[in-house]
Each structure stands twice: as C-alpha cells, then as structure tokens.
All heavy atoms as atom14 arrays in JSON, in Angstrom:
{
  "sequence": "PRYDFATHCRRADAVAWQPRPLVIVDGLWLLHRPELRELFALKIF",
  "atom14_mask": [
    [1, 1, 1, 1, 1, 1, 1, 0, 0, 0, 0, 0, 0, 0],
    [1, 1, 1, 1, 1, 1, 1, 1, 1, 1, 1, 0, 0, 0],
    [1, 1, 1, 1, 1, 1, 1, 1, 1, 1, 1, 1, 0, 0],
    [1, 1, 1, 1, 1, 1, 1, 1, 0, 0, 0, 0, 0, 0],
    [1, 1, 1, 1, 1, 1, 1, 1, 1, 1, 1, 0, 0, 0],
    [1, 1, 1, 1, 1, 0, 0, 0, 0, 0, 0, 0, 0, 0],
    [1, 1, 1, 1, 1, 1, 1, 0, 0, 0, 0, 0, 0, 0],
    [1, 1, 1, 1, 1, 1, 1, 1, 1, 1, 0, 0, 0, 0],
    [1, 1, 1, 1, 1, 1, 0, 0, 0, 0, 0, 0, 0, 0],
    [1, 1, 1, 1, 1, 1, 1, 1, 1, 1, 1, 0, 0, 0],
    [1, 1, 1, 1, 1, 1, 1, 1, 1, 1, 1, 0, 0, 0],
    [1, 1, 1, 1, 1, 0, 0, 0, 0, 0, 0, 0, 0, 0],
    [1, 1, 1, 1, 1, 1, 1, 1, 0, 0, 0, 0, 0, 0],
    [1, 1, 1, 1, 1, 0, 0, 0, 0, 0, 0, 0, 0, 0],
    [1, 1, 1, 1, 1, 1, 1, 0, 0, 0, 0, 0, 0, 0],
    [1, 1, 1, 1, 1, 0, 0, 0, 0, 0, 0, 0, 0, 0],
    [1, 1, 1, 1, 1, 1, 1, 1, 1, 1, 1, 1, 1, 1],
    [1, 1, 1, 1, 1, 1, 1, 1, 1, 0, 0, 0, 0, 0],
    [1, 1, 1, 1, 1, 1, 1, 0, 0, 0, 0, 0, 0, 0],
    [1, 1, 1, 1, 1, 1, 1, 1, 1, 1, 1, 0, 0, 0],
    [1, 1, 1, 1, 1, 1, 1, 0, 0, 0, 0, 0, 0, 0],
    [1, 1, 1, 1, 1, 1, 1, 1, 0, 0, 0, 0, 0, 0],
    [1, 1, 1, 1, 1, 1, 1, 0, 0, 0, 0, 0, 0, 0],
    [1, 1, 1, 1, 1, 1, 1, 1, 0, 0, 0, 0, 0, 0],
    [1, 1, 1, 1, 1, 1, 1, 0, 0, 0, 0, 0, 0, 0],
    [1, 1, 1, 1, 1, 1, 1, 1, 0, 0, 0, 0, 0, 0],
    [1, 1, 1, 1, 0, 0, 0, 0, 0, 0, 0, 0, 0, 0],
    [1, 1, 1, 1, 1, 1, 1, 1, 0, 0, 0, 0, 0, 0],
    [1, 1, 1, 1, 1, 1, 1, 1, 1, 1, 1, 1, 1, 1],
    [1, 1, 1, 1, 1, 1, 1, 1, 0, 0, 0, 0, 0, 0],
    [1, 1, 1, 1, 1, 1, 1, 1, 0, 0, 0, 0, 0, 0],
    [1, 1, 1, 1, 1, 1, 1, 1, 1, 1, 0, 0, 0, 0],
    [1, 1, 1, 1, 1, 1, 1, 1, 1, 1, 1, 0, 0, 0],
    [1, 1, 1, 1, 1, 1, 1, 0, 0, 0, 0, 0, 0, 0],
    [1, 1, 1, 1, 1, 1, 1, 1, 1, 0, 0, 0, 0, 0],
    [1, 1, 1, 1, 1, 1, 1, 1, 0, 0, 0, 0, 0, 0],
    [1, 1, 1, 1, 1, 1, 1, 1, 1, 1, 1, 0, 0, 0],
    [1, 1, 1, 1, 1, 1, 1, 1, 1, 0, 0, 0, 0, 0],
    [1, 1, 1, 1, 1, 1, 1, 1, 0, 0, 0, 0, 0, 0],
    [1, 1, 1, 1, 1, 1, 1, 1, 1, 1, 1, 0, 0, 0],
    [1, 1, 1, 1, 1, 0, 0, 0, 0, 0, 0, 0, 0, 0],
    [1, 1, 1, 1, 1, 1, 1, 1, 0, 0, 0, 0, 0, 0],
    [1, 1, 1, 1, 1, 1, 1, 1, 1, 0, 0, 0, 0, 0],
    [1, 1, 1, 1, 1, 1, 1, 1, 0, 0, 0, 0, 0, 0],
    [1, 1, 1, 1, 1, 1, 1, 1, 1, 1, 1, 0, 0, 0]
  ],
  "atom14_positions": [
    [[278.91, 80.21, 161.79], [278.1, 79.35, 160.91], [277.32, 78.35, 161.75], [277.64, 78.1, 162.92], [279.15, 78.65, 160.04], [280.38, 78.63, 160.9], [280.34, 79.89, 161.72], [0.0, 0.0, 0.0], [0.0, 0.0, 0.0], [0.0, 0.0, 0.0], [0.0, 0.0, 0.0], [0.0, 0.0, 0.0], [0.0, 0.0, 0.0], [0.0, 0.0, 0.0]],
    [[276.31, 77.76, 161.15], [275.53, 76.71, 161.82], [275.49, 75.5, 160.9], [275.35, 75.63, 159.69], [274.12, 77.2, 162.14], [274.1, 78.42, 163.05], [272.69, 78.83, 163.4], [272.05, 77.85, 164.26], [270.75, 77.82, 164.52], [269.94, 78.71, 163.97], [270.24, 76.91, 165.32], [0.0, 0.0, 0.0], [0.0, 0.0, 0.0], [0.0, 0.0, 0.0]],
    [[275.61, 74.31, 161.5], [275.75, 73.08, 160.72], [274.64, 72.11, 161.09], [274.29, 71.96, 162.27], [277.12, 72.46, 161.01], [277.45, 71.25, 160.17], [277.91, 71.4, 158.87], [277.31, 69.96, 160.67], [278.22, 70.29, 158.09], [277.63, 68.85, 159.91], [278.09, 69.02, 158.61], [278.39, 67.93, 157.85], [0.0, 0.0, 0.0], [0.0, 0.0, 0.0]],
    [[274.08, 71.45, 160.07], [273.02, 70.47, 160.27], [273.62, 69.07, 160.1], [273.98, 68.68, 158.99], [271.91, 70.7, 159.24], [270.69, 69.82, 159.47], [270.84, 68.73, 160.06], [269.59, 70.21, 159.05], [0.0, 0.0, 0.0], [0.0, 0.0, 0.0], [0.0, 0.0, 0.0], [0.0, 0.0, 0.0], [0.0, 0.0, 0.0], [0.0, 0.0, 0.0]],
    [[273.73, 68.34, 161.19], [274.36, 67.02, 161.13], [273.5, 65.99, 160.41], [274.01, 64.99, 159.91], [274.67, 66.52, 162.54], [275.89, 67.17, 163.13], [275.78, 68.33, 163.87], [277.14, 66.63, 162.92], [276.9, 68.93, 164.41], [278.28, 67.23, 163.46], [278.16, 68.38, 164.19], [0.0, 0.0, 0.0], [0.0, 0.0, 0.0], [0.0, 0.0, 0.0]],
    [[272.2, 66.21, 160.34], [271.32, 65.26, 159.66], [271.52, 65.32, 158.15], [271.43, 64.3, 157.46], [269.87, 65.54, 160.01], [0.0, 0.0, 0.0], [0.0, 0.0, 0.0], [0.0, 0.0, 0.0], [0.0, 0.0, 0.0], [0.0, 0.0, 0.0], [0.0, 0.0, 0.0], [0.0, 0.0, 0.0], [0.0, 0.0, 0.0], [0.0, 0.0, 0.0]],
    [[271.82, 66.51, 157.61], [271.98, 66.67, 156.16], [273.44, 66.86, 155.74], [273.75, 66.83, 154.56], [271.18, 67.88, 155.67], [271.71, 69.08, 156.26], [269.7, 67.75, 156.03], [0.0, 0.0, 0.0], [0.0, 0.0, 0.0], [0.0, 0.0, 0.0], [0.0, 0.0, 0.0], [0.0, 0.0, 0.0], [0.0, 0.0, 0.0], [0.0, 0.0, 0.0]],
    [[274.32, 67.1, 156.7], [275.73, 67.4, 156.44], [275.89, 68.69, 155.64], [276.81, 68.81, 154.81], [276.43, 66.25, 155.71], [276.3, 64.93, 156.41], [276.76, 64.72, 157.69], [275.74, 63.76, 156.01], [276.5, 63.47, 158.04], [275.88, 62.88, 157.06], [0.0, 0.0, 0.0], [0.0, 0.0, 0.0], [0.0, 0.0, 0.0], [0.0, 0.0, 0.0]],
    [[275.03, 69.64, 155.89], [275.07, 70.91, 155.18], [275.11, 72.08, 156.16], [274.56, 71.99, 157.27], [273.84, 71.08, 154.28], [273.72, 69.85, 152.96], [0.0, 0.0, 0.0], [0.0, 0.0, 0.0], [0.0, 0.0, 0.0], [0.0, 0.0, 0.0], [0.0, 0.0, 0.0], [0.0, 0.0, 0.0], [0.0, 0.0, 0.0], [0.0, 0.0, 0.0]],
    [[275.73, 73.15, 155.73], [275.74, 74.37, 156.54], [274.42, 75.1, 156.34], [273.93, 75.26, 155.22], [276.91, 75.26, 156.13], [277.09, 76.48, 157.01], [278.38, 77.2, 156.69], [279.54, 76.41, 157.09], [280.8, 76.77, 156.86], [281.06, 77.89, 156.22], [281.79, 76.0, 157.27], [0.0, 0.0, 0.0], [0.0, 0.0, 0.0], [0.0, 0.0, 0.0]],
    [[273.85, 75.54, 157.43], [272.59, 76.27, 157.37], [272.83, 77.71, 156.94], [273.93, 78.25, 157.07], [271.9, 76.23, 158.74], [271.47, 74.83, 159.14], [270.99, 74.76, 160.56], [269.93, 75.73, 160.85], [269.26, 75.75, 161.99], [269.52, 74.88, 162.95], [268.33, 76.65, 162.19], [0.0, 0.0, 0.0], [0.0, 0.0, 0.0], [0.0, 0.0, 0.0]],
    [[271.79, 78.33, 156.4], [271.92, 79.69, 155.89], [271.92, 80.74, 157.0], [272.39, 81.86, 156.79], [270.79, 79.98, 154.91], [0.0, 0.0, 0.0], [0.0, 0.0, 0.0], [0.0, 0.0, 0.0], [0.0, 0.0, 0.0], [0.0, 0.0, 0.0], [0.0, 0.0, 0.0], [0.0, 0.0, 0.0], [0.0, 0.0, 0.0], [0.0, 0.0, 0.0]],
    [[271.4, 80.38, 158.17], [271.2, 81.38, 159.22], [272.38, 81.43, 160.19], [272.33, 80.91, 161.3], [269.9, 81.1, 159.98], [269.82, 79.67, 160.51], [270.53, 78.79, 159.99], [269.05, 79.44, 161.46], [0.0, 0.0, 0.0], [0.0, 0.0, 0.0], [0.0, 0.0, 0.0], [0.0, 0.0, 0.0], [0.0, 0.0, 0.0], [0.0, 0.0, 0.0]],
    [[273.46, 82.09, 159.77], [274.58, 82.34, 160.67], [274.11, 83.21, 161.83], [273.14, 83.96, 161.71], [275.72, 83.02, 159.92], [0.0, 0.0, 0.0], [0.0, 0.0, 0.0], [0.0, 0.0, 0.0], [0.0, 0.0, 0.0], [0.0, 0.0, 0.0], [0.0, 0.0, 0.0], [0.0, 0.0, 0.0], [0.0, 0.0, 0.0], [0.0, 0.0, 0.0]],
    [[274.78, 83.1, 162.96], [274.35, 83.84, 164.14], [275.47, 84.77, 164.61], [276.65, 84.47, 164.47], [273.94, 82.89, 165.29], [272.74, 82.07, 164.89], [275.08, 81.98, 165.69], [0.0, 0.0, 0.0], [0.0, 0.0, 0.0], [0.0, 0.0, 0.0], [0.0, 0.0, 0.0], [0.0, 0.0, 0.0], [0.0, 0.0, 0.0], [0.0, 0.0, 0.0]],
    [[275.07, 85.9, 165.17], [276.03, 86.84, 165.73], [276.63, 86.25, 167.0], [275.94, 85.59, 167.78], [275.36, 88.17, 166.01], [0.0, 0.0, 0.0], [0.0, 0.0, 0.0], [0.0, 0.0, 0.0], [0.0, 0.0, 0.0], [0.0, 0.0, 0.0], [0.0, 0.0, 0.0], [0.0, 0.0, 0.0], [0.0, 0.0, 0.0], [0.0, 0.0, 0.0]],
    [[277.92, 86.51, 167.22], [278.6, 85.98, 168.39], [279.55, 87.01, 168.96], [280.34, 87.62, 168.23], [279.37, 84.71, 168.03], [280.1, 84.09, 169.17], [279.58, 83.47, 170.26], [281.53, 84.03, 169.34], [280.58, 83.02, 171.1], [281.77, 83.35, 170.57], [282.61, 84.48, 168.57], [283.07, 83.11, 171.04], [283.89, 84.26, 169.05], [284.12, 83.57, 170.26]],
    [[279.45, 87.21, 170.28], [280.34, 88.13, 170.99], [281.09, 87.35, 172.07], [280.47, 86.77, 172.96], [279.53, 89.25, 171.65], [280.34, 90.17, 172.56], [281.37, 90.98, 171.8], [281.01, 91.72, 170.88], [282.64, 90.87, 172.17], [0.0, 0.0, 0.0], [0.0, 0.0, 0.0], [0.0, 0.0, 0.0], [0.0, 0.0, 0.0], [0.0, 0.0, 0.0]],
    [[282.42, 87.3, 172.02], [283.16, 86.56, 173.03], [283.09, 87.24, 174.39], [282.86, 88.44, 174.5], [284.6, 86.57, 172.49], [284.66, 87.77, 171.6], [283.29, 87.9, 171.0], [0.0, 0.0, 0.0], [0.0, 0.0, 0.0], [0.0, 0.0, 0.0], [0.0, 0.0, 0.0], [0.0, 0.0, 0.0], [0.0, 0.0, 0.0], [0.0, 0.0, 0.0]],
    [[283.3, 86.43, 175.43], [283.4, 86.92, 176.8], [284.86, 86.78, 177.24], [285.7, 86.31, 176.46], [282.45, 86.13, 177.7], [280.99, 86.43, 177.4], [280.05, 85.74, 178.37], [278.65, 86.08, 178.08], [277.62, 85.63, 178.79], [277.82, 84.82, 179.82], [276.4, 85.99, 178.47], [0.0, 0.0, 0.0], [0.0, 0.0, 0.0], [0.0, 0.0, 0.0]],
    [[285.2, 87.2, 178.46], [286.61, 87.15, 178.86], [287.28, 85.8, 178.66], [288.43, 85.72, 178.22], [286.55, 87.54, 180.34], [285.39, 88.46, 180.42], [284.38, 87.89, 179.47], [0.0, 0.0, 0.0], [0.0, 0.0, 0.0], [0.0, 0.0, 0.0], [0.0, 0.0, 0.0], [0.0, 0.0, 0.0], [0.0, 0.0, 0.0], [0.0, 0.0, 0.0]],
    [[286.57, 84.71, 178.97], [287.05, 83.36, 178.68], [286.14, 82.73, 177.64], [284.92, 82.78, 177.77], [287.07, 82.48, 179.94], [288.4, 82.36, 180.68], [288.86, 83.71, 181.18], [288.28, 81.36, 181.8], [0.0, 0.0, 0.0], [0.0, 0.0, 0.0], [0.0, 0.0, 0.0], [0.0, 0.0, 0.0], [0.0, 0.0, 0.0], [0.0, 0.0, 0.0]],
    [[286.74, 82.15, 176.62], [286.0, 81.42, 175.6], [286.39, 79.95, 175.72], [287.54, 79.58, 175.46], [286.3, 81.94, 174.18], [285.49, 81.16, 173.15], [286.01, 83.43, 174.08], [0.0, 0.0, 0.0], [0.0, 0.0, 0.0], [0.0, 0.0, 0.0], [0.0, 0.0, 0.0], [0.0, 0.0, 0.0], [0.0, 0.0, 0.0], [0.0, 0.0, 0.0]],
    [[285.45, 79.12, 176.14], [285.7, 77.68, 176.29], [285.33, 77.01, 174.97], [284.16, 76.99, 174.57], [284.86, 77.07, 177.43], [284.94, 77.94, 178.7], [285.3, 75.64, 177.7], [286.3, 78.01, 179.32], [0.0, 0.0, 0.0], [0.0, 0.0, 0.0], [0.0, 0.0, 0.0], [0.0, 0.0, 0.0], [0.0, 0.0, 0.0], [0.0, 0.0, 0.0]],
    [[286.32, 76.49, 174.28], [286.14, 75.91, 172.95], [286.3, 74.4, 173.04], [287.3, 73.91, 173.57], [287.16, 76.47, 171.94], [286.79, 76.06, 170.52], [287.27, 77.98, 172.06], [0.0, 0.0, 0.0], [0.0, 0.0, 0.0], [0.0, 0.0, 0.0], [0.0, 0.0, 0.0], [0.0, 0.0, 0.0], [0.0, 0.0, 0.0], [0.0, 0.0, 0.0]],
    [[285.31, 73.65, 172.53], [285.48, 72.19, 172.53], [285.52, 71.67, 171.11], [284.85, 72.21, 170.21], [284.39, 71.5, 173.36], [283.08, 71.31, 172.64], [283.0, 70.39, 171.8], [282.13, 72.06, 172.91], [0.0, 0.0, 0.0], [0.0, 0.0, 0.0], [0.0, 0.0, 0.0], [0.0, 0.0, 0.0], [0.0, 0.0, 0.0], [0.0, 0.0, 0.0]],
    [[286.33, 70.63, 170.9], [286.43, 70.07, 169.56], [287.4, 68.9, 169.51], [288.25, 68.72, 170.39], [0.0, 0.0, 0.0], [0.0, 0.0, 0.0], [0.0, 0.0, 0.0], [0.0, 0.0, 0.0], [0.0, 0.0, 0.0], [0.0, 0.0, 0.0], [0.0, 0.0, 0.0], [0.0, 0.0, 0.0], [0.0, 0.0, 0.0], [0.0, 0.0, 0.0]],
    [[287.29, 68.13, 168.45], [288.12, 66.93, 168.3], [289.58, 67.24, 168.0], [290.47, 66.52, 168.44], [287.56, 66.07, 167.15], [286.26, 65.31, 167.39], [285.73, 64.76, 166.06], [286.48, 64.18, 168.37], [0.0, 0.0, 0.0], [0.0, 0.0, 0.0], [0.0, 0.0, 0.0], [0.0, 0.0, 0.0], [0.0, 0.0, 0.0], [0.0, 0.0, 0.0]],
    [[289.84, 68.32, 167.24], [291.19, 68.51, 166.7], [291.76, 69.9, 166.98], [292.55, 70.42, 166.2], [291.17, 68.27, 165.19], [290.55, 66.97, 164.79], [291.03, 65.72, 165.03], [289.3, 66.79, 164.11], [290.18, 64.77, 164.52], [289.1, 65.39, 163.94], [288.35, 67.66, 163.59], [287.99, 64.86, 163.31], [287.24, 67.14, 162.96], [287.06, 65.75, 162.83]],
    [[291.41, 70.5, 168.09], [291.86, 71.86, 168.37], [293.36, 71.96, 168.59], [293.94, 73.04, 168.49], [291.13, 72.4, 169.6], [289.63, 72.65, 169.42], [288.98, 72.97, 170.76], [289.38, 73.77, 168.41], [0.0, 0.0, 0.0], [0.0, 0.0, 0.0], [0.0, 0.0, 0.0], [0.0, 0.0, 0.0], [0.0, 0.0, 0.0], [0.0, 0.0, 0.0]],
    [[294.02, 70.85, 168.9], [295.47, 70.87, 169.13], [296.23, 70.2, 168.0], [297.44, 69.96, 168.12], [295.8, 70.17, 170.46], [295.03, 70.67, 171.69], [295.5, 69.93, 172.94], [295.16, 72.16, 171.85], [0.0, 0.0, 0.0], [0.0, 0.0, 0.0], [0.0, 0.0, 0.0], [0.0, 0.0, 0.0], [0.0, 0.0, 0.0], [0.0, 0.0, 0.0]],
    [[295.56, 69.94, 166.91], [296.17, 69.2, 165.8], [297.14, 70.07, 165.01], [298.14, 69.57, 164.49], [295.08, 68.65, 164.88], [295.59, 67.87, 163.71], [296.23, 66.65, 163.86], [295.56, 68.13, 162.38], [296.56, 66.19, 162.66], [296.18, 67.08, 161.75], [0.0, 0.0, 0.0], [0.0, 0.0, 0.0], [0.0, 0.0, 0.0], [0.0, 0.0, 0.0]],
    [[296.84, 71.36, 164.91], [297.63, 72.25, 164.07], [298.36, 73.27, 164.94], [297.79, 73.84, 165.87], [296.73, 72.98, 163.07], [296.02, 72.04, 162.11], [294.83, 72.71, 161.45], [295.22, 73.88, 160.67], [294.93, 74.05, 159.38], [294.22, 73.13, 158.74], [295.3, 75.13, 158.73], [0.0, 0.0, 0.0], [0.0, 0.0, 0.0], [0.0, 0.0, 0.0]],
    [[299.64, 73.56, 164.65], [300.4, 74.51, 165.47], [299.75, 75.88, 165.56], [299.75, 76.5, 166.63], [301.76, 74.59, 164.76], [301.87, 73.28, 164.04], [300.48, 72.93, 163.61], [0.0, 0.0, 0.0], [0.0, 0.0, 0.0], [0.0, 0.0, 0.0], [0.0, 0.0, 0.0], [0.0, 0.0, 0.0], [0.0, 0.0, 0.0], [0.0, 0.0, 0.0]],
    [[299.19, 76.39, 164.46], [298.59, 77.72, 164.49], [297.34, 77.77, 165.36], [296.94, 78.84, 165.83], [298.26, 78.21, 163.07], [297.19, 77.43, 162.33], [297.74, 76.28, 161.51], [298.73, 75.64, 161.95], [297.19, 76.01, 160.43], [0.0, 0.0, 0.0], [0.0, 0.0, 0.0], [0.0, 0.0, 0.0], [0.0, 0.0, 0.0], [0.0, 0.0, 0.0]],
    [[296.72, 76.61, 165.58], [295.61, 76.54, 166.52], [296.11, 76.49, 167.95], [295.62, 77.22, 168.83], [294.76, 75.29, 166.24], [293.72, 75.37, 165.15], [293.25, 73.97, 164.8], [292.54, 76.21, 165.59], [0.0, 0.0, 0.0], [0.0, 0.0, 0.0], [0.0, 0.0, 0.0], [0.0, 0.0, 0.0], [0.0, 0.0, 0.0], [0.0, 0.0, 0.0]],
    [[297.08, 75.64, 168.21], [297.57, 75.48, 169.58], [298.02, 76.8, 170.18], [297.8, 77.06, 171.37], [298.73, 74.47, 169.61], [298.31, 73.04, 169.3], [299.39, 72.07, 169.72], [300.62, 72.19, 168.96], [300.87, 71.53, 167.82], [299.96, 70.71, 167.31], [302.03, 71.67, 167.2], [0.0, 0.0, 0.0], [0.0, 0.0, 0.0], [0.0, 0.0, 0.0]],
    [[298.64, 77.64, 169.38], [299.19, 78.88, 169.92], [298.11, 79.88, 170.31], [298.39, 80.86, 171.02], [300.14, 79.51, 168.91], [299.47, 80.03, 167.66], [300.46, 80.56, 166.63], [301.66, 80.26, 166.75], [300.03, 81.26, 165.7], [0.0, 0.0, 0.0], [0.0, 0.0, 0.0], [0.0, 0.0, 0.0], [0.0, 0.0, 0.0], [0.0, 0.0, 0.0]],
    [[296.86, 79.65, 169.91], [295.78, 80.55, 170.26], [295.25, 80.33, 171.67], [294.59, 81.2, 172.23], [294.62, 80.41, 169.27], [294.86, 80.87, 167.83], [293.66, 80.52, 166.96], [295.13, 82.37, 167.79], [0.0, 0.0, 0.0], [0.0, 0.0, 0.0], [0.0, 0.0, 0.0], [0.0, 0.0, 0.0], [0.0, 0.0, 0.0], [0.0, 0.0, 0.0]],
    [[295.53, 79.15, 172.25], [294.88, 78.78, 173.51], [295.78, 79.04, 174.71], [296.94, 78.62, 174.77], [294.48, 77.3, 173.47], [293.4, 77.02, 172.47], [293.71, 76.46, 171.24], [292.09, 77.34, 172.74], [292.71, 76.22, 170.3], [291.09, 77.11, 171.82], [291.4, 76.55, 170.6], [0.0, 0.0, 0.0], [0.0, 0.0, 0.0], [0.0, 0.0, 0.0]],
    [[295.2, 79.73, 175.7], [295.9, 79.99, 176.96], [295.94, 78.76, 177.85], [296.82, 78.62, 178.7], [295.23, 81.15, 177.69], [0.0, 0.0, 0.0], [0.0, 0.0, 0.0], [0.0, 0.0, 0.0], [0.0, 0.0, 0.0], [0.0, 0.0, 0.0], [0.0, 0.0, 0.0], [0.0, 0.0, 0.0], [0.0, 0.0, 0.0], [0.0, 0.0, 0.0]],
    [[294.96, 77.87, 177.68], [294.9, 76.62, 178.44], [294.38, 75.53, 177.52], [293.35, 75.71, 176.86], [293.99, 76.78, 179.66], [293.75, 75.53, 180.51], [295.07, 75.0, 181.08], [292.76, 75.82, 181.63], [0.0, 0.0, 0.0], [0.0, 0.0, 0.0], [0.0, 0.0, 0.0], [0.0, 0.0, 0.0], [0.0, 0.0, 0.0], [0.0, 0.0, 0.0]],
    [[295.08, 74.4, 177.51], [294.73, 73.29, 176.63], [294.45, 72.06, 177.49], [295.35, 71.55, 178.15], [295.86, 73.03, 175.63], [296.2, 74.25, 174.77], [297.34, 73.99, 173.81], [298.69, 73.89, 174.5], [299.13, 75.2, 175.04], [0.0, 0.0, 0.0], [0.0, 0.0, 0.0], [0.0, 0.0, 0.0], [0.0, 0.0, 0.0], [0.0, 0.0, 0.0]],
    [[293.2, 71.6, 177.44], [292.74, 70.47, 178.26], [292.46, 69.29, 177.34], [291.76, 69.43, 176.33], [291.46, 70.83, 179.02], [291.68, 72.07, 179.91], [290.96, 69.66, 179.85], [290.38, 72.7, 180.38], [0.0, 0.0, 0.0], [0.0, 0.0, 0.0], [0.0, 0.0, 0.0], [0.0, 0.0, 0.0], [0.0, 0.0, 0.0], [0.0, 0.0, 0.0]],
    [[292.98, 68.12, 177.71], [292.63, 66.9, 177.0], [291.76, 66.05, 177.92], [292.15, 65.73, 179.04], [293.86, 66.1, 176.57], [293.54, 64.94, 175.67], [293.56, 65.1, 174.29], [293.21, 63.7, 176.19], [293.25, 64.02, 173.45], [292.9, 62.63, 175.37], [292.93, 62.79, 174.0], [0.0, 0.0, 0.0], [0.0, 0.0, 0.0], [0.0, 0.0, 0.0]]
  ]
}
C-alpha cells in the first residue's frame, strides 16, 4: 500500500514488491508485538 501523510489517507495506487535476500524494515513499533518480533532474524534499536 501507499500512504499520503498530508491527507492521512491510503492512496489507490498500490505497488508491486519483490523481496531480496535481506529485507531491511524500518518502523516505530516493529518489536512491539511478539508475532512481529519472531519474524526478524536481526533486531536493531
């Protein structure tokens, strides 16, 4: 999905995404939930 911070709405034009061997994910709360934490091979704060 794509998000517009100026309007606080999700845009209609979702984009195709293909992961690579390493996926570097950044976010405020990626370690907040147990089911999220278990997905990550490396967790950086």
